[in-house]
Amino acid sequence: MAAPTVPVERIATLSARAGEAWWWFGGLALIKVASNQTEGKYSLIEMLWPPNLEVPLHVHTHEDELFYVLEGKIAYRVGDVRAEVSAGHTVFAPKNIPHGFTVTSDEPARYLIVYSPAGFEGFIRDTSMPAHDLVLPPPATPPTPAQMEALSTMMRDRYGCYWATDYSSK
């Protein structure tokens, strides 16, 4: 029996600095493996966030998230569970469960995210600017209330993701 052929675009061997680099909400997102490479099963993103950065509680209705911390310390909340984790720790955030986190180390935190199924990497592309280098972006002006409303609507309508405060009223 012959081995099945796999399209070349689905095979990836990436160096540590390879991937699609985006400056995303004050951090650096490096899309390592995207939906088109996995038949939509999962995507892999490497993140770098600065100290004290907070990702507010939010809910994904389409995908589970798996976080694997490479460097730094991060305080996660997933549902009613709270945990401060560091390098080598894994945190799983199932879909439909509110979760968020804060970088608590004095240095940036670097971690991997697996989204399953894939697709949320589109939100990264839709809400980012291409990174000119694999460093944290320069400080940005916080979004206005109107910009946040537009972002929340797009996040909900296109990606099935809600801020936990919005989701609790559904």
Protein backbone atom coordinates (compact mmCIF):
# COMPACT_ATOMS: atom_id res chain seq x y z
CA MET A 1 0.00 0.00 0.00
CA ALA A 2 1.43 3.36 -1.03
CA ALA A 3 1.79 6.15 1.50
CA PRO A 4 -0.70 8.98 0.95
CA THR A 5 0.66 12.16 -0.58
CA VAL A 6 0.39 15.34 1.42
CA PRO A 7 0.34 18.77 -0.25
CA VAL A 8 3.62 20.56 0.39
CA GLU A 9 1.81 23.63 1.82
CA ARG A 10 0.54 21.46 4.71
CA ILE A 11 4.05 20.46 5.82
CA ALA A 12 5.95 22.86 8.07
CA THR A 13 9.44 22.80 9.48
CA LEU A 14 9.95 26.16 11.13
CA SER A 15 12.93 27.71 12.87
CA ALA A 16 12.45 29.40 16.22
CA ARG A 17 11.98 32.80 14.57
CA ALA A 18 9.82 31.65 11.64
CA GLY A 19 6.12 32.28 11.23
CA GLU A 20 3.70 35.08 10.43
CA ALA A 21 4.60 37.94 12.82
CA TRP A 22 1.92 40.37 14.03
CA TRP A 23 1.83 43.13 16.66
CA TRP A 24 -1.40 42.30 18.47
CA PHE A 25 -2.89 44.37 21.33
CA GLY A 26 0.50 45.26 22.82
CA GLY A 27 2.09 41.86 22.24
CA LEU A 28 3.79 39.90 19.50
CA ALA A 29 1.88 37.02 17.88
CA LEU A 30 3.82 34.59 15.70
CA ILE A 31 1.45 32.34 13.75
CA LYS A 32 3.45 29.13 13.46
CA VAL A 33 0.82 26.77 12.01
CA ALA A 34 -2.45 28.00 10.51
CA SER A 35 -5.78 26.49 9.52
CA ASN A 36 -4.80 25.88 5.90
CA GLN A 37 -2.00 23.57 7.05
CA THR A 38 -4.15 21.42 9.38
CA GLU A 39 -7.38 21.12 7.41
CA GLY A 40 -8.87 23.45 10.02
CA LYS A 41 -8.19 21.09 12.94
CA TYR A 42 -5.93 23.42 14.96
CA SER A 43 -3.58 26.39 14.78
CA LEU A 44 -0.41 27.11 16.76
CA ILE A 45 0.53 30.63 17.83
CA GLU A 46 3.60 31.74 19.79
CA MET A 47 2.88 34.82 21.93
CA LEU A 48 5.09 37.35 23.66
CA TRP A 49 3.33 39.70 26.10
CA PRO A 50 4.87 42.49 28.21
CA PRO A 51 4.76 42.50 32.02
CA ASN A 52 1.40 43.50 33.55
CA LEU A 53 -0.52 42.99 30.31
CA GLU A 54 -4.04 41.77 31.04
CA VAL A 55 -6.31 39.84 28.71
CA PRO A 56 -9.82 40.39 30.16
CA LEU A 57 -12.23 37.53 30.74
CA HIS A 58 -13.69 36.40 27.45
CA VAL A 59 -15.45 33.36 26.00
CA HIS A 60 -14.75 31.45 22.79
CA THR A 61 -17.79 29.60 21.45
CA HIS A 62 -15.98 27.91 18.53
CA GLU A 63 -12.62 26.72 19.85
CA ASP A 64 -10.80 25.32 22.86
CA GLU A 65 -7.50 26.95 23.84
CA LEU A 66 -4.43 25.23 25.19
CA PHE A 67 -1.64 27.41 26.63
CA TYR A 68 1.91 26.16 27.22
CA VAL A 69 4.15 28.64 29.06
CA LEU A 70 7.74 28.91 27.79
CA GLU A 71 9.00 31.92 29.81
CA GLY A 72 7.68 34.26 32.49
CA LYS A 73 4.77 33.97 34.91
CA ILE A 74 1.08 34.26 34.07
CA ALA A 75 -1.94 34.33 36.38
CA TYR A 76 -4.80 32.56 34.59
CA ARG A 77 -8.48 32.40 35.40
CA VAL A 78 -10.51 29.70 33.67
CA GLY A 79 -14.07 29.54 34.97
CA ASP A 80 -13.72 29.46 38.77
CA VAL A 81 -10.16 28.11 38.69
CA ARG A 82 -7.25 30.48 39.26
CA ALA A 83 -3.62 29.51 38.84
CA GLU A 84 -0.31 31.33 38.61
CA VAL A 85 1.90 29.36 36.27
CA SER A 86 5.41 29.56 34.86
CA ALA A 87 7.63 27.83 32.29
CA GLY A 88 6.61 24.24 31.64
CA HIS A 89 3.00 24.65 32.79
CA THR A 90 -0.02 23.94 30.59
CA VAL A 91 -3.44 25.57 30.97
CA PHE A 92 -6.53 24.35 29.12
CA ALA A 93 -9.46 26.72 28.50
CA PRO A 94 -12.45 24.83 27.03
CA LYS A 95 -14.81 26.66 24.70
CA ASN A 96 -17.81 28.33 26.36
CA ILE A 97 -15.89 28.88 29.64
CA PRO A 98 -14.84 32.45 30.56
CA HIS A 99 -11.08 32.83 30.81
CA GLY A 100 -8.43 35.53 30.91
CA PHE A 101 -4.99 36.19 32.30
CA THR A 102 -2.38 38.70 33.45
CA VAL A 103 1.38 38.55 32.93
CA THR A 104 2.73 38.72 36.48
CA SER A 105 6.48 38.38 35.89
CA ASP A 106 8.81 41.37 35.68
CA GLU A 107 9.93 40.14 32.26
CA PRO A 108 7.76 39.41 29.23
CA ALA A 109 5.91 36.11 29.12
CA ARG A 110 6.28 33.82 26.12
CA TYR A 111 3.88 30.95 25.53
CA LEU A 112 2.27 28.81 22.89
CA ILE A 113 -1.47 28.71 22.17
CA VAL A 114 -3.17 25.88 20.34
CA TYR A 115 -6.64 26.78 19.05
CA SER A 116 -8.79 23.78 18.19
CA PRO A 117 -10.44 23.90 15.76
CA ALA A 118 -8.39 26.49 13.87
CA GLY A 119 -9.67 29.80 12.62
CA PHE A 120 -9.08 32.25 15.44
CA GLU A 121 -5.75 33.17 13.88
CA GLY A 122 -7.95 35.17 11.48
CA PHE A 123 -8.89 37.43 14.40
CA ILE A 124 -5.19 38.04 15.02
CA ARG A 125 -4.71 39.05 11.39
CA ASP A 126 -7.86 41.21 11.40
CA THR A 127 -6.87 43.16 14.51
CA SER A 128 -3.08 43.48 14.16
CA MET A 129 -0.34 45.16 12.20
CA PRO A 130 2.52 43.21 10.63
CA ALA A 131 5.48 43.13 13.03
CA HIS A 132 8.63 44.64 11.57
CA ASP A 133 10.79 42.61 13.93
CA LEU A 134 10.20 39.87 16.49
CA VAL A 135 10.03 42.30 19.40
CA LEU A 136 7.22 43.81 21.44
CA PRO A 137 5.50 46.67 19.62
CA PRO A 138 5.92 50.30 20.60
CA PRO A 139 3.33 51.54 23.11
CA ALA A 140 0.00 52.35 21.48
CA THR A 141 -2.89 54.62 22.37
CA PRO A 142 -5.74 52.65 23.98
CA PRO A 143 -8.78 52.21 21.72
CA THR A 144 -11.67 54.63 22.04
CA PRO A 145 -15.06 53.38 23.28
CA ALA A 146 -16.33 53.43 19.66
CA GLN A 147 -13.33 51.37 18.51
CA MET A 148 -13.91 48.89 21.35
CA GLU A 149 -17.57 48.56 20.36
CA ALA A 150 -16.62 47.87 16.73
CA LEU A 151 -13.99 45.37 17.87
CA SER A 152 -16.47 43.61 20.16
CA THR A 153 -19.04 43.37 17.37
CA MET A 154 -16.52 41.94 14.89
CA MET A 155 -15.14 39.56 17.50
CA ARG A 156 -18.64 38.27 18.26
CA ASP A 157 -20.08 38.17 14.74
CA ARG A 158 -17.06 36.83 12.85
CA TYR A 159 -15.30 34.73 15.50
CA GLY A 160 -17.91 33.74 18.11
CA CYS A 161 -15.90 35.33 20.91
CA TYR A 162 -17.40 37.55 23.63
CA TRP A 163 -16.15 39.58 26.56
CA ALA A 164 -17.35 37.64 29.60
CA THR A 165 -19.54 40.56 30.69
CA ASP A 166 -21.30 40.50 27.30
CA TYR A 167 -21.59 36.72 27.28
CA SER A 168 -23.17 36.50 30.73
CA SER A 169 -26.14 38.49 29.45
CA LYS A 170 -26.80 36.03 26.59
